[in-house]
C-alpha atoms as a PDB file:
ATOM      1  CA  UNK A   1      22.449  15.559 162.092  1.00  0.00           C
ATOM      2  CA  UNK A   2      21.572  18.121 159.653  1.00  0.00           C
ATOM      3  CA  UNK A   3      24.677  16.957 157.534  1.00  0.00           C
ATOM      4  CA  UNK A   4      23.870  13.270 157.876  1.00  0.00           C
ATOM      5  CA  UNK A   5      20.524  13.840 156.005  1.00  0.00           C
ATOM      6  CA  UNK A   6      21.564  16.472 153.573  1.00  0.00           C
ATOM      7  CA  UNK A   7      24.392  13.224 152.397  1.00  0.00           C
ATOM      8  CA  UNK A   8      21.096  10.492 152.164  1.00  0.00           C
ATOM      9  CA  UNK A   9      19.439  13.391 150.376  1.00  0.00           C
ATOM     10  CA  UNK A  10      21.774  14.587 147.574  1.00  0.00           C
ATOM     11  CA  UNK A  11      22.883   9.842 147.510  1.00  0.00           C
ATOM     12  CA  UNK A  12      19.328   9.321 146.822  1.00  0.00           C
ATOM     13  CA  UNK A  13      19.225  11.897 144.277  1.00  0.00           C
ATOM     14  CA  UNK A  14      21.888  11.250 142.349  1.00  0.00           C
ATOM     15  CA  UNK A  15      21.949   7.743 142.343  1.00  0.00           C
ATOM     16  CA  UNK A  16      18.798   8.111 141.256  1.00  0.00           C
ATOM     17  CA  UNK A  17      20.209  10.308 138.325  1.00  0.00           C
ATOM     18  CA  UNK A  18      23.059   8.204 137.868  1.00  0.00           C
ATOM     19  CA  UNK A  19      20.941   4.922 137.795  1.00  0.00           C
ATOM     20  CA  UNK A  20      18.703   7.139 135.222  1.00  0.00           C
ATOM     21  CA  UNK A  21      20.777   7.996 133.188  1.00  0.00           C
ATOM     22  CA  UNK A  22      22.603   4.163 133.400  1.00  0.00           C
ATOM     23  CA  UNK A  23      19.568   2.352 132.492  1.00  0.00           C
ATOM     24  CA  UNK A  24      19.609   0.208 129.001  1.00  0.00           C
ATOM     25  CA  UNK A  25      16.646   1.477 126.408  1.00  0.00           C
ATOM     26  CA  UNK A  26      15.381  -0.647 123.411  1.00  0.00           C
ATOM     27  CA  UNK A  27      17.160  -0.443 120.111  1.00  0.00           C
ATOM     28  CA  UNK A  28      14.104  -0.185 117.255  1.00  0.00           C
ATOM     29  CA  UNK A  29      15.613  -2.140 113.715  1.00  0.00           C
ATOM     30  CA  UNK A  30      13.789  -0.550 111.564  1.00  0.00           C
ATOM     31  CA  UNK A  31      13.387  -1.853 107.784  1.00  0.00           C
ATOM     32  CA  UNK A  32      14.769  -0.256 105.653  1.00  0.00           C
ATOM     33  CA  UNK A  33      12.482   0.125 102.005  1.00  0.00           C
ATOM     34  CA  UNK A  34      14.203  -1.625  99.277  1.00  0.00           C
ATOM     35  CA  UNK A  35      12.094  -0.539  96.985  1.00  0.00           C
ATOM     36  CA  UNK A  36      12.167   3.312  97.835  1.00  0.00           C
ATOM     37  CA  UNK A  37      15.750   3.241  98.451  1.00  0.00           C
ATOM     38  CA  UNK A  38      18.425   3.449  96.040  1.00  0.00           C
ATOM     39  CA  UNK A  39      21.969   3.090  95.647  1.00  0.00           C
ATOM     40  CA  UNK A  40      24.369   4.971  93.053  1.00  0.00           C
ATOM     41  CA  UNK A  41      28.335   4.647  91.606  1.00  0.00           C
ATOM     42  CA  UNK A  42      30.227   6.908  89.512  1.00  0.00           C
ATOM     43  CA  UNK A  43      33.105   5.138  88.329  1.00  0.00           C
ATOM     44  CA  UNK A  44      35.882   7.167  87.047  1.00  0.00           C
ATOM     45  CA  UNK A  45      38.488   6.516  84.130  1.00  0.00           C
ATOM     46  CA  UNK A  46      41.242   9.130  83.011  1.00  0.00           C
ATOM     47  CA  UNK A  47      38.329  10.037  80.132  1.00  0.00           C
ATOM     48  CA  UNK A  48      35.279  10.681  82.198  1.00  0.00           C
ATOM     49  CA  UNK A  49      33.140   9.007  84.398  1.00  0.00           C
ATOM     50  CA  UNK A  50      30.230   6.214  84.381  1.00  0.00           C
ATOM     51  CA  UNK A  51      27.923   6.068  86.026  1.00  0.00           C
ATOM     52  CA  UNK A  52      24.386   3.772  87.298  1.00  0.00           C
ATOM     53  CA  UNK A  53      23.636   1.437  90.041  1.00  0.00           C
ATOM     54  CA  UNK A  54      22.635  -1.756  92.553  1.00  0.00           C
ATOM     55  CA  UNK A  55      19.713  -2.375  93.878  1.00  0.00           C
ATOM     56  CA  UNK A  56      19.423  -3.393  97.707  1.00  0.00           C
ATOM     57  CA  UNK A  57      18.157  -6.392  98.801  1.00  0.00           C
ATOM     58  CA  UNK A  58      17.431  -6.097 102.180  1.00  0.00           C
ATOM     59  CA  UNK A  59      18.903  -3.435 105.018  1.00  0.00           C
ATOM     60  CA  UNK A  60      17.694  -2.424 108.556  1.00  0.00           C
ATOM     61  CA  UNK A  61      19.039   0.854 110.456  1.00  0.00           C
ATOM     62  CA  UNK A  62      18.808   0.326 114.647  1.00  0.00           C
ATOM     63  CA  UNK A  63      18.022   2.806 116.519  1.00  0.00           C
ATOM     64  CA  UNK A  64      18.322   3.915 120.431  1.00  0.00           C
ATOM     65  CA  UNK A  65      15.917   6.027 121.234  1.00  0.00           C
ATOM     66  CA  UNK A  66      16.411   8.249 117.888  1.00  0.00           C
ATOM     67  CA  UNK A  67      20.478   8.051 117.018  1.00  0.00           C
ATOM     68  CA  UNK A  68      21.970   5.584 114.792  1.00  0.00           C
ATOM     69  CA  UNK A  69      23.179   2.674 116.510  1.00  0.00           C
ATOM     70  CA  UNK A  70      23.713   0.185 114.155  1.00  0.00           C
ATOM     71  CA  UNK A  71      23.340  -0.868 110.377  1.00  0.00           C
ATOM     72  CA  UNK A  72      23.336  -4.146 107.410  1.00  0.00           C
ATOM     73  CA  UNK A  73      22.686  -3.716 104.314  1.00  0.00           C
ATOM     74  CA  UNK A  74      22.989  -6.476 101.000  1.00  0.00           C
ATOM     75  CA  UNK A  75      22.989  -5.311  97.655  1.00  0.00           C
ATOM     76  CA  UNK A  76      22.006  -7.352  94.500  1.00  0.00           C
ATOM     77  CA  UNK A  77      25.280  -7.333  92.254  1.00  0.00           C
ATOM     78  CA  UNK A  78      23.458  -9.178  89.627  1.00  0.00           C
ATOM     79  CA  UNK A  79      21.583  -6.032  89.037  1.00  0.00           C
ATOM     80  CA  UNK A  80      23.831  -3.992  88.531  1.00  0.00           C
ATOM     81  CA  UNK A  81      23.063  -1.514  85.540  1.00  0.00           C
ATOM     82  CA  UNK A  82      24.167   1.888  83.502  1.00  0.00           C
ATOM     83  CA  UNK A  83      22.923   5.063  83.479  1.00  0.00           C
ATOM     84  CA  UNK A  84      24.699   6.584  81.694  1.00  0.00           C
ATOM     85  CA  UNK A  85      24.858   4.614  78.269  1.00  0.00           C
ATOM     86  CA  UNK A  86      22.634   2.926  76.200  1.00  0.00           C
ATOM     87  CA  UNK A  87      22.813   0.397  73.926  1.00  0.00           C
ATOM     88  CA  UNK A  88      25.146  -1.229  72.665  1.00  0.00           C
ATOM     89  CA  UNK A  89      27.325   0.259  74.587  1.00  0.00           C
ATOM     90  CA  UNK A  90      25.206  -0.436  78.065  1.00  0.00           C
ATOM     91  CA  UNK A  91      25.134  -3.789  77.130  1.00  0.00           C
ATOM     92  CA  UNK A  92      29.071  -4.282  77.092  1.00  0.00           C
ATOM     93  CA  UNK A  93      30.045  -2.026  80.506  1.00  0.00           C
ATOM     94  CA  UNK A  94      27.237  -4.449  82.141  1.00  0.00           C
ATOM     95  CA  UNK A  95      28.501  -7.057  80.867  1.00  0.00           C
ATOM     96  CA  UNK A  96      32.017  -6.369  81.962  1.00  0.00           C
ATOM     97  CA  UNK A  97      31.798  -4.855  85.392  1.00  0.00           C
ATOM     98  CA  UNK A  98      29.426  -8.267  86.078  1.00  0.00           C
ATOM     99  CA  UNK A  99      32.468 -10.098  84.453  1.00  0.00           C
ATOM    100  CA  UNK A 100      35.735 -11.562  86.599  1.00  0.00           C
ATOM    101  CA  UNK A 101      37.724  -8.697  85.474  1.00  0.00           C
ATOM    102  CA  UNK A 102      35.570  -6.946  88.312  1.00  0.00           C
ATOM    103  CA  UNK A 103      32.911  -8.088  90.358  1.00  0.00           C
ATOM    104  CA  UNK A 104      32.275 -11.768  88.865  1.00  0.00           C
ATOM    105  CA  UNK A 105      28.839 -11.431  89.989  1.00  0.00           C
ATOM    106  CA  UNK A 106      28.091 -15.725  89.176  1.00  0.00           C
ATOM    107  CA  UNK A 107      30.320 -16.308  91.855  1.00  0.00           C
ATOM    108  CA  UNK A 108      29.822 -13.459  94.233  1.00  0.00           C
ATOM    109  CA  UNK A 109      25.640 -12.444  93.974  1.00  0.00           C
ATOM    110  CA  UNK A 110      25.869 -10.570  96.403  1.00  0.00           C
ATOM    111  CA  UNK A 111      27.799  -7.482  98.726  1.00  0.00           C
ATOM    112  CA  UNK A 112      27.237  -7.104 102.229  1.00  0.00           C
ATOM    113  CA  UNK A 113      27.864  -3.706 104.958  1.00  0.00           C
ATOM    114  CA  UNK A 114      27.622  -4.447 108.526  1.00  0.00           C
ATOM    115  CA  UNK A 115      28.346  -1.505 110.629  1.00  0.00           C
ATOM    116  CA  UNK A 116      30.547  -1.658 113.676  1.00  0.00           C
ATOM    117  CA  UNK A 117      30.661   1.614 115.364  1.00  0.00           C
ATOM    118  CA  UNK A 118      28.547   4.880 114.710  1.00  0.00           C
ATOM    119  CA  UNK A 119      29.802   7.895 116.344  1.00  0.00           C
ATOM    120  CA  UNK A 120      27.212  11.295 116.360  1.00  0.00           C
ATOM    121  CA  UNK A 121      28.591  14.200 114.622  1.00  0.00           C
ATOM    122  CA  UNK A 122      26.254  16.499 114.849  1.00  0.00           C
ATOM    123  CA  UNK A 123      22.313  17.114 115.148  1.00  0.00           C
ATOM    124  CA  UNK A 124      21.190  13.679 112.395  1.00  0.00           C
ATOM    125  CA  UNK A 125      24.641  13.346 111.499  1.00  0.00           C
ATOM    126  CA  UNK A 126      26.835  10.804 112.199  1.00  0.00           C
ATOM    127  CA  UNK A 127      30.220   9.235 110.890  1.00  0.00           C
ATOM    128  CA  UNK A 128      30.124   4.802 110.990  1.00  0.00           C
ATOM    129  CA  UNK A 129      32.418   2.517 110.343  1.00  0.00           C
ATOM    130  CA  UNK A 130      31.629  -1.164 108.889  1.00  0.00           C
ATOM    131  CA  UNK A 131      32.616  -4.044 107.299  1.00  0.00           C
ATOM    132  CA  UNK A 132      32.341  -3.677 103.900  1.00  0.00           C
ATOM    133  CA  UNK A 133      32.071  -7.218 101.615  1.00  0.00           C
ATOM    134  CA  UNK A 134      32.005  -7.567  97.909  1.00  0.00           C
ATOM    135  CA  UNK A 135      33.752 -10.315  96.303  1.00  0.00           C
ATOM    136  CA  UNK A 136      34.084 -12.476  99.814  1.00  0.00           C
ATOM    137  CA  UNK A 137      36.895  -9.780 100.620  1.00  0.00           C
ATOM    138  CA  UNK A 138      35.467  -8.348 103.392  1.00  0.00           C
ATOM    139  CA  UNK A 139      37.559  -4.977 104.382  1.00  0.00           C
ATOM    140  CA  UNK A 140      37.026  -1.514 107.044  1.00  0.00           C
ATOM    141  CA  UNK A 141      34.932   1.776 105.383  1.00  0.00           C
ATOM    142  CA  UNK A 142      34.119   4.867 107.168  1.00  0.00           C
ATOM    143  CA  UNK A 143      30.914   7.071 106.136  1.00  0.00           C
ATOM    144  CA  UNK A 144      29.288  10.051 107.057  1.00  0.00           C
ATOM    145  CA  UNK A 145      25.364   9.382 106.986  1.00  0.00           C
ATOM    146  CA  UNK A 146      22.372  11.743 107.707  1.00  0.00           C
ATOM    147  CA  UNK A 147      18.924  11.198 109.193  1.00  0.00           C
ATOM    148  CA  UNK A 148      15.931  12.874 108.634  1.00  0.00           C
ATOM    149  CA  UNK A 149      12.417  11.999 109.612  1.00  0.00           C
ATOM    150  CA  UNK A 150      12.121   8.250 107.901  1.00  0.00           C
ATOM    151  CA  UNK A 151      15.173   9.181 105.482  1.00  0.00           C
ATOM    152  CA  UNK A 152      18.677   8.211 105.523  1.00  0.00           C
ATOM    153  CA  UNK A 153      21.202   9.889 102.865  1.00  0.00           C
ATOM    154  CA  UNK A 154      24.998   8.143 103.138  1.00  0.00           C
ATOM    155  CA  UNK A 155      28.034   9.138 100.809  1.00  0.00           C
ATOM    156  CA  UNK A 156      31.186   6.715 100.891  1.00  0.00           C
ATOM    157  CA  UNK A 157      34.515   6.112  98.749  1.00  0.00           C
ATOM    158  CA  UNK A 158      35.209   2.446  98.120  1.00  0.00           C
ATOM    159  CA  UNK A 159      38.931   1.235  96.579  1.00  0.00           C
ATOM    160  CA  UNK A 160      38.001  -1.724  94.509  1.00  0.00           C
ATOM    161  CA  UNK A 161      41.780  -2.459  94.614  1.00  0.00           C
ATOM    162  CA  UNK A 162      40.951  -3.558  98.183  1.00  0.00           C
ATOM    163  CA  UNK A 163      38.444  -5.739  96.440  1.00  0.00           C
ATOM    164  CA  UNK A 164      40.721  -7.104  93.838  1.00  0.00           C
ATOM    165  CA  UNK A 165      38.918  -5.180  91.664  1.00  0.00           C
ATOM    166  CA  UNK A 166      42.043  -4.106  89.627  1.00  0.00           C
ATOM    167  CA  UNK A 167      41.207  -3.916  85.694  1.00  0.00           C
ATOM    168  CA  UNK A 168      42.574  -1.405  84.262  1.00  0.00           C
ATOM    169  CA  UNK A 169      43.885   0.270  87.074  1.00  0.00           C
ATOM    170  CA  UNK A 170      47.237   2.793  87.430  1.00  0.00           C
ATOM    171  CA  UNK A 171      48.363   1.341  90.767  1.00  0.00           C
ATOM    172  CA  UNK A 172      49.106  -2.503  89.656  1.00  0.00           C
ATOM    173  CA  UNK A 173      49.398  -1.979  85.502  1.00  0.00           C
ATOM    174  CA  UNK A 174      51.325   0.130  83.820  1.00  0.00           C
ATOM    175  CA  UNK A 175      51.711   2.008  81.117  1.00  0.00           C
ATOM    176  CA  UNK A 176      47.730   2.542  80.538  1.00  0.00           C
ATOM    177  CA  UNK A 177      47.842   5.297  79.485  1.00  0.00           C
ATOM    178  CA  UNK A 178      43.919   7.283  78.411  1.00  0.00           C
ATOM    179  CA  UNK A 179      42.948   3.734  79.507  1.00  0.00           C
ATOM    180  CA  UNK A 180      42.988   3.860  83.363  1.00  0.00           C
ATOM    181  CA  UNK A 181      40.431   3.470  85.682  1.00  0.00           C
ATOM    182  CA  UNK A 182      40.901   4.607  88.989  1.00  0.00           C
ATOM    183  CA  UNK A 183      40.919   2.902  91.928  1.00  0.00           C
ATOM    184  CA  UNK A 184      38.382   4.964  93.749  1.00  0.00           C
ATOM    185  CA  UNK A 185      34.705   5.117  92.612  1.00  0.00           C
ATOM    186  CA  UNK A 186      31.765   7.053  94.841  1.00  0.00           C
ATOM    187  CA  UNK A 187      28.137   5.091  96.209  1.00  0.00           C
ATOM    188  CA  UNK A 188      25.376   7.514  96.891  1.00  0.00           C
ATOM    189  CA  UNK A 189      22.475   5.616  98.815  1.00  0.00           C
ATOM    190  CA  UNK A 190      18.863   6.962  99.877  1.00  0.00           C
ATOM    191  CA  UNK A 191      16.972   5.389 102.117  1.00  0.00           C
ATOM    192  CA  UNK A 192      13.678   5.370 102.410  1.00  0.00           C
ATOM    193  CA  UNK A 193      12.295   3.345 106.345  1.00  0.00           C
END
């Protein structure tokens, strides 16, 4: 009899722990403050590099409690600017980057990122995989995100060639010499939400 009561008690106790552990919690979506957030790019060539910004038009991060579980973002590609040049050279670079040689913003005015998998890698740190769409081409990318309070930072390397952005690429054209532009560029994202 004592064993039966003990068995029933343990089943009730462990059953309630198990059901509490599997009970779904509510996912909260937090809108990103686009005017207080920034997306910085840095691209590299044999003779140096260029830096600039592009503007978020909208973005959301999704949390289950304090854990990041999702996100989605839209970038206005027409807002792409260079921050390392001035005057005529700045205008020429920006015009070229917006042309069909690069991002073709007349036909592809936005780029998007949708998180597909989020893994915790430590306190406030995550490895995120997402579908990045540039020029109508969607490819998976993986990058790191850190969350602190109402701020998030992310860094990512993007291979432009995967999105048919091949101008000056040594992977596709021979004998470019010092005109070669490397395929990978960096994004550094600072978000407030």
